[in-house]
Every structure is written in structure tokens, then in C-alpha cells.
Amino acid sequence: MAHTTSNPKIHEGRNLKRFRELMSLKQDALAFELGEDWNQQKISLLEQKEKIDSDILEQVAAILKIPAEAIRNFDENQAINIITTTFNDQAVGSSVNYGTIQKDPIDKLMQLHEEKIALYERMLKEKDEMMGRLERLIGR
């Protein structure tokens, strides 16, 4: 159950909540998928933790069908920086404070941007599959 992370600013519980909400999955549904020992309140407490035990994080990631590293490493500020560096509308782009943008090579930024797009597309697909499973579950 040991857990280490490379970036102490990242709050894994909040990241879990973001991914769960992106997939339109309620806390009750996630608790149901985790098993009898889980309920909505335990999921709420889990989402408040800065660090989540690796085994639980792996289980949740498997249910959400995303890599556990996505939850461990998602940094909202970094994602915003990537979006602002690839934004092409000069009218809105001119209001961006470019002093806060990381100075990574353009190729690396483009690669990260493409990976994020692929992740979001997979997440949307998995959300639709999860909704289908929930609808079948409710239809019992």
C-alpha cells in the first residue's frame, strides 16, 4: 500500500473526482462497482484525500478504465498551460499571461496535447459504456 508521487502539489482525490464526474458517474455507482464494503460516504472521503493508497487507486482506475497514472499525475495548471499554448484565436489568446507558460519544446507540448485528446476521447467512450451498464443495472 506504499505510495509515492513525483509532484506533491497534485491532489489525487480531487483528480479522481474530476475523472469520475467527466464520466458522469455518481459516487454511489462507483461504490457499487468497488464492492459491498463501499458506499457513497466512503467515496466522498476518498475524494478528499490528497494521497490515495495505490491498491485502491488501481481498482478505481480499472473501474473508470483509465490509467492510474492519469489520476496520480493530472495537474490542472499544466493542462491549462498546454491548452493556452495551442490556442489559435488571437482575440482571446491575447489575454493569456504568457509569463506562466512552461518553456517546454513545442514538440513535447504537441505530444502531451495529443495524449490528452486521446485520453478524453477514451473517457467519453467509457462513460457511454458505463451509462449503458448502469441503465441495464437499473432495468433489473
Protein backbone atom coordinates (compact mmCIF):
# COMPACT_ATOMS: atom_id res chain seq x y z
CA MET A 1 0.00 0.00 0.00
CA ALA A 2 3.03 2.28 -0.10
CA HIS A 3 2.54 5.29 -2.31
CA THR A 4 4.93 7.79 -3.79
CA THR A 5 4.32 10.63 -6.18
CA SER A 6 6.66 12.92 -8.07
CA ASN A 7 4.58 16.07 -7.60
CA PRO A 8 3.37 16.85 -4.07
CA LYS A 9 1.01 19.60 -5.38
CA ILE A 10 -1.25 17.05 -7.05
CA HIS A 11 -4.37 16.13 -5.06
CA GLU A 12 -5.29 12.60 -6.13
CA GLY A 13 -8.73 12.70 -4.52
CA ARG A 14 -9.72 15.81 -6.48
CA ASN A 15 -8.31 14.27 -9.65
CA LEU A 16 -10.37 11.13 -9.03
CA LYS A 17 -13.47 13.28 -8.57
CA ARG A 18 -12.75 15.17 -11.83
CA PHE A 19 -12.38 11.96 -13.85
CA ARG A 20 -15.45 10.40 -12.20
CA GLU A 21 -17.54 13.49 -12.98
CA LEU A 22 -16.24 13.65 -16.56
CA MET A 23 -17.69 10.18 -16.97
CA SER A 24 -20.97 11.22 -15.34
CA LEU A 25 -20.51 8.51 -12.74
CA LYS A 26 -22.15 9.10 -9.35
CA GLN A 27 -20.37 8.27 -6.12
CA ASP A 28 -22.99 5.58 -5.40
CA ALA A 29 -22.28 3.87 -8.72
CA LEU A 30 -18.52 3.88 -8.10
CA ALA A 31 -19.10 2.49 -4.60
CA PHE A 32 -21.29 -0.26 -6.11
CA GLU A 33 -18.52 -1.19 -8.55
CA LEU A 34 -15.92 -1.31 -5.73
CA GLY A 35 -17.95 -3.81 -3.70
CA GLU A 36 -20.01 -4.31 -0.59
CA ASP A 37 -17.54 -2.55 1.73
CA TRP A 38 -18.03 0.73 -0.14
CA ASN A 39 -20.76 3.35 -0.03
CA GLN A 40 -21.27 6.94 -1.18
CA GLN A 41 -19.83 8.36 2.03
CA LYS A 42 -16.60 6.36 1.69
CA ILE A 43 -16.19 7.58 -1.90
CA SER A 44 -16.70 11.15 -0.70
CA LEU A 45 -13.98 10.68 1.93
CA LEU A 46 -11.70 9.08 -0.66
CA GLU A 47 -12.10 12.09 -2.93
CA GLN A 48 -11.00 14.35 -0.07
CA LYS A 49 -7.67 12.54 0.37
CA GLU A 50 -4.57 14.17 -1.05
CA LYS A 51 -2.92 10.76 -1.47
CA ILE A 52 -4.85 7.56 -2.22
CA ASP A 53 -3.45 4.10 -1.43
CA SER A 54 -2.05 2.55 -4.59
CA ASP A 55 -4.20 -0.59 -4.47
CA ILE A 56 -7.44 1.40 -4.15
CA LEU A 57 -6.32 3.85 -6.82
CA GLU A 58 -5.60 0.95 -9.18
CA GLN A 59 -9.08 -0.52 -8.54
CA VAL A 60 -10.80 2.80 -9.15
CA ALA A 61 -8.75 3.43 -12.30
CA ALA A 62 -9.72 -0.02 -13.60
CA ILE A 63 -13.40 0.74 -12.99
CA LEU A 64 -13.07 4.10 -14.76
CA LYS A 65 -10.98 2.37 -17.45
CA ILE A 66 -8.23 4.94 -17.31
CA PRO A 67 -4.59 4.53 -16.32
CA ALA A 68 -3.95 5.05 -12.62
CA GLU A 69 -1.13 7.39 -13.67
CA ALA A 70 -3.75 9.72 -15.14
CA ILE A 71 -5.19 10.21 -11.65
CA ARG A 72 -1.77 10.33 -9.99
CA ASN A 73 -0.26 12.85 -12.38
CA PHE A 74 -3.07 15.06 -13.65
CA ASP A 75 -2.13 18.67 -12.96
CA GLU A 76 -4.81 21.19 -13.87
CA ASN A 77 -2.31 24.05 -14.19
CA GLN A 78 -0.17 22.06 -16.59
CA ALA A 79 -3.24 21.14 -18.66
CA ILE A 80 -4.25 24.81 -18.83
CA ASN A 81 -0.74 25.74 -19.94
CA ILE A 82 -0.87 23.17 -22.73
CA ILE A 83 -4.26 24.42 -23.87
CA THR A 84 -3.15 28.06 -23.86
CA THR A 85 -0.02 27.29 -25.86
CA THR A 86 -2.05 25.56 -28.56
CA PHE A 87 -4.89 28.10 -28.62
CA ASN A 88 -5.07 29.88 -32.00
CA ASP A 89 -7.74 32.58 -31.51
CA GLN A 90 -5.70 35.79 -31.20
CA ALA A 91 -8.64 37.79 -29.80
CA VAL A 92 -8.89 35.59 -26.72
CA GLY A 93 -5.30 34.39 -26.75
CA SER A 94 -4.02 37.92 -26.29
CA SER A 95 -5.40 37.98 -22.74
CA VAL A 96 -3.31 34.97 -21.68
CA ASN A 97 -0.45 35.68 -19.30
CA TYR A 98 2.36 34.04 -21.23
CA GLY A 99 4.78 34.50 -18.35
CA THR A 100 3.23 31.48 -16.62
CA ILE A 101 3.51 29.12 -19.57
CA GLN A 102 6.17 26.46 -19.27
CA LYS A 103 9.04 26.73 -21.74
CA ASP A 104 8.97 23.10 -22.93
CA PRO A 105 9.78 22.35 -26.56
CA ILE A 106 6.80 22.68 -28.92
CA ASP A 107 7.06 19.03 -29.96
CA LYS A 108 6.67 17.86 -26.35
CA LEU A 109 3.68 20.15 -25.85
CA MET A 110 2.03 18.86 -29.01
CA GLN A 111 2.62 15.27 -27.91
CA LEU A 112 1.09 15.95 -24.49
CA HIS A 113 -1.85 17.73 -26.10
CA GLU A 114 -2.49 14.77 -28.42
CA GLU A 115 -2.26 12.35 -25.49
CA LYS A 116 -4.81 14.42 -23.55
CA ILE A 117 -7.19 14.45 -26.52
CA ALA A 118 -6.85 10.67 -26.86
CA LEU A 119 -7.48 10.24 -23.11
CA TYR A 120 -10.60 12.41 -23.19
CA GLU A 121 -11.93 10.53 -26.22
CA ARG A 122 -11.38 7.21 -24.40
CA MET A 123 -13.03 8.64 -21.29
CA LEU A 124 -16.10 9.73 -23.26
CA LYS A 125 -16.38 6.29 -24.85
CA GLU A 126 -16.05 4.60 -21.46
CA LYS A 127 -18.63 6.99 -19.99
CA ASP A 128 -21.12 5.86 -22.63
CA GLU A 129 -20.35 2.21 -21.86
CA MET A 130 -20.72 2.88 -18.12
CA MET A 131 -24.07 4.57 -18.70
CA GLY A 132 -25.20 1.51 -20.64
CA ARG A 133 -24.16 -0.75 -17.77
CA LEU A 134 -25.95 1.46 -15.25
CA GLU A 135 -29.10 1.52 -17.37
CA ARG A 136 -29.03 -2.30 -17.55
CA LEU A 137 -28.47 -2.45 -13.78
CA ILE A 138 -31.40 -0.12 -13.09
CA GLY A 139 -33.58 -2.06 -15.52
CA ARG A 140 -33.39 -5.20 -13.34
